[in-house]
């Protein structure tokens, strides 16, 4: 990692993977600001993350994205790394999915990613180490999951956006990459119960669920000097989950 302290913005950093990303960057000495839609929850989350600050905003709104970036630049003197992590994943079968549910998932996951990158691009270009790291998923780009058609669509679309954005920002010295988590142990996953956790673990060849730290380490790499010549790429972090053709393939010879 660079010896100089960077300014890092993590959207959706109040819990789960986002909180893990924020914690990892803060641990390296970077100045980190997380965002959330609820002021009290965001403030409390930052309080549980040593050295992390907070800002409130809805990434599905262009005005909020612009204001958040302005706040970060004013408070830290610039912006070096943007981790667009904010996302929602309500389960909803296609047959009964409402337009409101579809709008919420697209608004936060896809539109929110695009609006945040657009709002941050000038500040990132002003940095000599501008980085964008998008939290996508294996669900959508590589796999499917019943009830998550809207979620999967947005996660696949994020990668399409990433590649074109990488081309647009490359001349300005900014890289745009993504991480694609598999089954990761978060508060949301734990709430589904031990039986569900065991089912999720059973499909991972490495024999365990991912931890938020696994995703955070991938983000640290993509945002660091070791990845300065990498852009427009997606890194799968799933313990081999997408590898087996069928359940029997999980059993070794």
Protein backbone atom coordinates (compact mmCIF):
# COMPACT_ATOMS: atom_id res chain seq x y z
CA UNK A 1 0.00 0.00 0.00
CA UNK A 2 1.06 3.59 -0.54
CA UNK A 3 2.74 5.27 2.40
CA UNK A 4 0.57 8.33 1.83
CA UNK A 5 -2.85 8.43 3.42
CA UNK A 6 -5.65 8.19 0.87
CA UNK A 7 -9.22 9.46 0.89
CA UNK A 8 -11.62 6.52 0.50
CA UNK A 9 -15.39 6.61 0.05
CA UNK A 10 -17.38 3.40 0.65
CA UNK A 11 -21.07 3.52 -0.22
CA UNK A 12 -23.37 1.19 1.70
CA UNK A 13 -20.78 0.86 4.43
CA UNK A 14 -23.08 0.44 7.43
CA UNK A 15 -22.92 -3.35 7.60
CA UNK A 16 -21.79 -6.54 5.92
CA UNK A 17 -19.29 -6.34 3.08
CA UNK A 18 -19.33 -2.54 3.03
CA UNK A 19 -18.39 -2.29 6.69
CA UNK A 20 -15.65 -4.85 6.13
CA UNK A 21 -14.23 -2.86 3.23
CA UNK A 22 -14.25 0.34 5.29
CA UNK A 23 -12.55 -1.39 8.22
CA UNK A 24 -9.79 -2.78 5.99
CA UNK A 25 -8.97 0.57 4.38
CA UNK A 26 -9.01 2.32 7.76
CA UNK A 27 -6.64 -0.30 9.11
CA UNK A 28 -4.08 0.64 6.44
CA UNK A 29 -4.18 4.24 7.65
CA UNK A 30 -6.46 5.65 4.96
CA UNK A 31 -9.12 8.23 5.78
CA UNK A 32 -12.42 6.47 5.17
CA UNK A 33 -15.97 7.79 4.88
CA UNK A 34 -18.97 5.47 4.65
CA UNK A 35 -22.45 6.31 3.44
CA UNK A 36 -25.92 5.10 4.31
CA UNK A 37 -29.49 6.28 3.82
CA UNK A 38 -30.41 6.38 7.51
CA UNK A 39 -28.52 8.96 9.58
CA UNK A 40 -28.72 7.21 12.94
CA UNK A 41 -27.73 3.81 11.55
CA UNK A 42 -24.86 5.31 9.54
CA UNK A 43 -23.55 7.27 12.50
CA UNK A 44 -23.67 4.20 14.76
CA UNK A 45 -21.96 2.06 12.13
CA UNK A 46 -19.11 4.54 11.79
CA UNK A 47 -18.80 4.60 15.56
CA UNK A 48 -18.14 0.87 15.51
CA UNK A 49 -15.42 1.25 12.87
CA UNK A 50 -12.30 2.87 14.35
CA UNK A 51 -11.15 5.89 12.38
CA UNK A 52 -14.11 5.83 9.97
CA UNK A 53 -16.31 8.88 9.29
CA UNK A 54 -19.78 9.00 7.79
CA UNK A 55 -22.09 10.87 5.41
CA UNK A 56 -25.78 10.38 4.70
CA UNK A 57 -27.30 10.04 1.27
CA UNK A 58 -29.31 7.93 -1.16
CA UNK A 59 -27.12 6.76 -4.04
CA UNK A 60 -30.16 6.43 -6.32
CA UNK A 61 -30.43 10.24 -6.31
CA UNK A 62 -27.97 12.24 -8.39
CA UNK A 63 -28.13 15.25 -6.08
CA UNK A 64 -27.24 13.11 -3.05
CA UNK A 65 -24.28 11.55 -4.88
CA UNK A 66 -22.94 14.97 -5.85
CA UNK A 67 -23.35 16.28 -2.30
CA UNK A 68 -21.61 13.26 -0.78
CA UNK A 69 -18.59 13.67 -3.05
CA UNK A 70 -18.45 17.39 -2.28
CA UNK A 71 -18.49 16.62 1.45
CA UNK A 72 -15.70 14.08 1.09
CA UNK A 73 -13.52 16.47 -0.91
CA UNK A 74 -14.12 19.29 1.55
CA UNK A 75 -13.33 17.13 4.58
CA UNK A 76 -10.36 15.19 3.23
CA UNK A 77 -8.94 17.42 0.51
CA UNK A 78 -9.76 15.07 -2.35
CA UNK A 79 -10.91 11.59 -3.29
CA UNK A 80 -8.60 8.74 -4.24
CA UNK A 81 -10.73 5.59 -3.98
CA UNK A 82 -14.44 5.03 -4.54
CA UNK A 83 -15.88 1.68 -3.49
CA UNK A 84 -19.43 1.49 -4.81
CA UNK A 85 -20.86 -1.15 -2.53
CA UNK A 86 -24.41 0.05 -1.78
CA UNK A 87 -26.90 -2.63 -2.74
CA UNK A 88 -30.20 -4.25 -1.85
CA UNK A 89 -31.22 -7.87 -2.45
CA UNK A 90 -34.86 -8.54 -1.55
CA UNK A 91 -36.10 -11.91 -2.75
CA UNK A 92 -39.04 -11.63 -5.13
CA UNK A 93 -40.22 -14.21 -7.69
CA UNK A 94 -40.64 -12.77 -11.17
CA UNK A 95 -44.32 -13.72 -11.29
CA UNK A 96 -45.18 -11.58 -8.26
CA UNK A 97 -42.48 -8.92 -8.42
CA UNK A 98 -43.89 -5.41 -8.20
CA UNK A 99 -42.70 -2.45 -10.21
CA UNK A 100 -41.71 -0.76 -6.97
CA UNK A 101 -39.48 -3.70 -6.01
CA UNK A 102 -37.85 -3.66 -9.43
CA UNK A 103 -37.28 0.10 -9.27
CA UNK A 104 -35.71 -0.14 -5.82
CA UNK A 105 -33.19 -2.80 -6.82
CA UNK A 106 -32.27 -1.14 -10.10
CA UNK A 107 -32.16 2.28 -8.46
CA UNK A 108 -29.76 1.29 -5.72
CA UNK A 109 -27.62 -1.39 -7.32
CA UNK A 110 -27.20 -0.17 -10.89
CA UNK A 111 -28.28 3.45 -11.06
CA UNK A 112 -26.59 4.12 -7.72
CA UNK A 113 -23.30 2.73 -9.01
CA UNK A 114 -23.44 4.79 -12.18
CA UNK A 115 -24.44 8.01 -10.42
CA UNK A 116 -21.71 7.69 -7.79
CA UNK A 117 -19.00 7.07 -10.37
CA UNK A 118 -20.22 10.02 -12.43
CA UNK A 119 -20.29 12.27 -9.38
CA UNK A 120 -16.81 11.20 -8.30
CA UNK A 121 -14.99 11.10 -11.63
CA UNK A 122 -13.61 14.65 -11.51
CA UNK A 123 -12.26 14.24 -7.99
CA UNK A 124 -10.79 10.84 -8.85
CA UNK A 125 -9.15 12.25 -11.97
CA UNK A 126 -7.55 14.98 -9.87
CA UNK A 127 -5.85 12.26 -7.84
CA UNK A 128 -2.75 10.55 -9.21
CA UNK A 129 -4.10 7.24 -7.93
CA UNK A 130 -7.82 7.34 -8.71
CA UNK A 131 -9.52 3.98 -8.27
CA UNK A 132 -13.09 2.71 -8.56
CA UNK A 133 -13.96 -0.70 -7.13
CA UNK A 134 -17.51 -1.97 -7.74
CA UNK A 135 -19.08 -4.67 -5.60
CA UNK A 136 -20.86 -6.93 -8.08
CA UNK A 137 -21.65 -10.63 -7.47
CA UNK A 138 -21.36 -14.05 -9.05
CA UNK A 139 -25.19 -14.00 -9.11
CA UNK A 140 -26.19 -12.55 -12.45
CA UNK A 141 -22.89 -12.43 -14.33
CA UNK A 142 -22.04 -16.12 -13.76
CA UNK A 143 -24.90 -17.85 -11.95
CA UNK A 144 -28.63 -17.53 -11.38
CA UNK A 145 -30.78 -17.79 -8.28
CA UNK A 146 -34.56 -18.14 -8.23
CA UNK A 147 -36.19 -15.06 -6.73
CA UNK A 148 -33.27 -12.80 -7.51
CA UNK A 149 -33.81 -12.07 -11.19
CA UNK A 150 -33.86 -8.31 -10.54
CA UNK A 151 -30.75 -8.50 -8.36
CA UNK A 152 -28.89 -10.70 -10.85
CA UNK A 153 -29.77 -8.36 -13.70
CA UNK A 154 -28.29 -5.38 -11.88
CA UNK A 155 -25.11 -7.24 -10.95
CA UNK A 156 -24.53 -8.29 -14.55
CA UNK A 157 -25.29 -4.76 -15.72
CA UNK A 158 -22.72 -3.34 -13.31
CA UNK A 159 -20.02 -5.22 -15.21
CA UNK A 160 -21.23 -3.87 -18.54
CA UNK A 161 -21.06 -0.38 -17.09
CA UNK A 162 -17.62 -1.09 -15.61
CA UNK A 163 -16.04 -1.92 -18.96
CA UNK A 164 -17.27 1.21 -20.72
CA UNK A 165 -16.53 3.43 -17.73
CA UNK A 166 -13.01 1.99 -17.60
CA UNK A 167 -12.46 3.12 -21.19
CA UNK A 168 -13.80 6.60 -20.50
CA UNK A 169 -11.74 7.11 -17.35
CA UNK A 170 -8.49 5.45 -18.47
CA UNK A 171 -7.18 8.57 -20.25
CA UNK A 172 -7.58 10.41 -16.94
CA UNK A 173 -5.55 7.85 -15.01
CA UNK A 174 -8.49 6.28 -13.17
CA UNK A 175 -8.99 2.51 -13.08
CA UNK A 176 -12.41 0.88 -12.79
CA UNK A 177 -12.64 -2.73 -11.61
CA UNK A 178 -15.06 -4.99 -9.74
CA UNK A 179 -15.13 -7.77 -7.18
CA UNK A 180 -17.63 -10.60 -7.53
CA UNK A 181 -18.33 -12.22 -4.15
CA UNK A 182 -19.80 -15.67 -3.78
CA UNK A 183 -21.45 -16.86 -0.57
CA UNK A 184 -20.15 -14.54 2.14
CA UNK A 185 -21.01 -14.66 5.83
CA UNK A 186 -22.72 -11.36 6.68
CA UNK A 187 -25.36 -10.25 9.17
CA UNK A 188 -28.02 -10.65 6.50
CA UNK A 189 -26.96 -14.20 5.69
CA UNK A 190 -26.73 -15.16 9.37
CA UNK A 191 -30.32 -13.99 9.90
CA UNK A 192 -31.49 -16.77 7.56
CA UNK A 193 -30.49 -19.45 10.08
CA UNK A 194 -27.91 -22.20 10.49
CA UNK A 195 -29.63 -24.58 8.07
CA UNK A 196 -29.42 -21.99 5.31
CA UNK A 197 -25.78 -21.22 6.17
CA UNK A 198 -24.90 -24.90 5.94
CA UNK A 199 -26.60 -25.18 2.55
CA UNK A 200 -24.63 -22.18 1.30
CA UNK A 201 -21.37 -23.60 2.67
CA UNK A 202 -21.95 -27.00 1.09
CA UNK A 203 -21.61 -25.65 -2.46
CA UNK A 204 -18.22 -24.00 -1.85
CA UNK A 205 -15.27 -26.28 -2.81
CA UNK A 206 -13.00 -24.69 -0.18
CA UNK A 207 -15.49 -25.90 2.43
CA UNK A 208 -16.34 -22.61 4.10
CA UNK A 209 -18.29 -19.44 3.56
CA UNK A 210 -16.38 -16.36 2.56
CA UNK A 211 -15.75 -13.69 5.16
CA UNK A 212 -16.14 -9.97 4.58
CA UNK A 213 -12.38 -9.70 5.04
CA UNK A 214 -11.89 -11.87 1.95
CA UNK A 215 -13.77 -9.32 -0.15
CA UNK A 216 -12.08 -6.40 1.57
CA UNK A 217 -8.64 -7.78 0.73
CA UNK A 218 -9.61 -8.01 -2.96
CA UNK A 219 -10.73 -4.38 -2.84
CA UNK A 220 -7.47 -3.33 -1.19
CA UNK A 221 -5.56 -5.01 -4.00
CA UNK A 222 -7.58 -3.43 -6.80
CA UNK A 223 -7.27 -0.01 -5.17
CA UNK A 224 -3.55 -0.35 -4.52
CA UNK A 225 -0.39 0.31 -6.53
CA UNK A 226 -0.05 -3.37 -7.38
CA UNK A 227 -3.14 -3.09 -9.58
CA UNK A 228 -2.25 0.19 -11.29
CA UNK A 229 -2.17 -1.50 -14.72
CA UNK A 230 -5.46 -3.38 -14.25
CA UNK A 231 -8.73 -1.84 -15.41
CA UNK A 232 -12.07 -3.05 -16.69
CA UNK A 233 -11.67 -6.40 -14.93
CA UNK A 234 -13.80 -8.40 -12.48
CA UNK A 235 -12.23 -10.54 -9.77
CA UNK A 236 -14.25 -13.54 -8.58
CA UNK A 237 -13.88 -14.15 -4.84
CA UNK A 238 -15.99 -17.25 -4.16
CA UNK A 239 -13.87 -20.14 -2.84
CA UNK A 240 -14.38 -21.94 -6.15
CA UNK A 241 -18.17 -21.84 -5.94
CA UNK A 242 -18.71 -21.41 -9.69
CA UNK A 243 -16.36 -24.25 -10.68
CA UNK A 244 -18.36 -27.52 -10.28
CA UNK A 245 -20.51 -28.65 -13.20
CA UNK A 246 -22.68 -30.68 -10.81
CA UNK A 247 -22.78 -31.50 -7.07
CA UNK A 248 -20.82 -34.72 -7.62
CA UNK A 249 -17.92 -32.67 -8.94
CA UNK A 250 -17.36 -31.32 -5.43
CA UNK A 251 -16.13 -34.74 -4.33
CA UNK A 252 -12.44 -35.25 -4.99
CA UNK A 253 -10.94 -38.39 -6.59
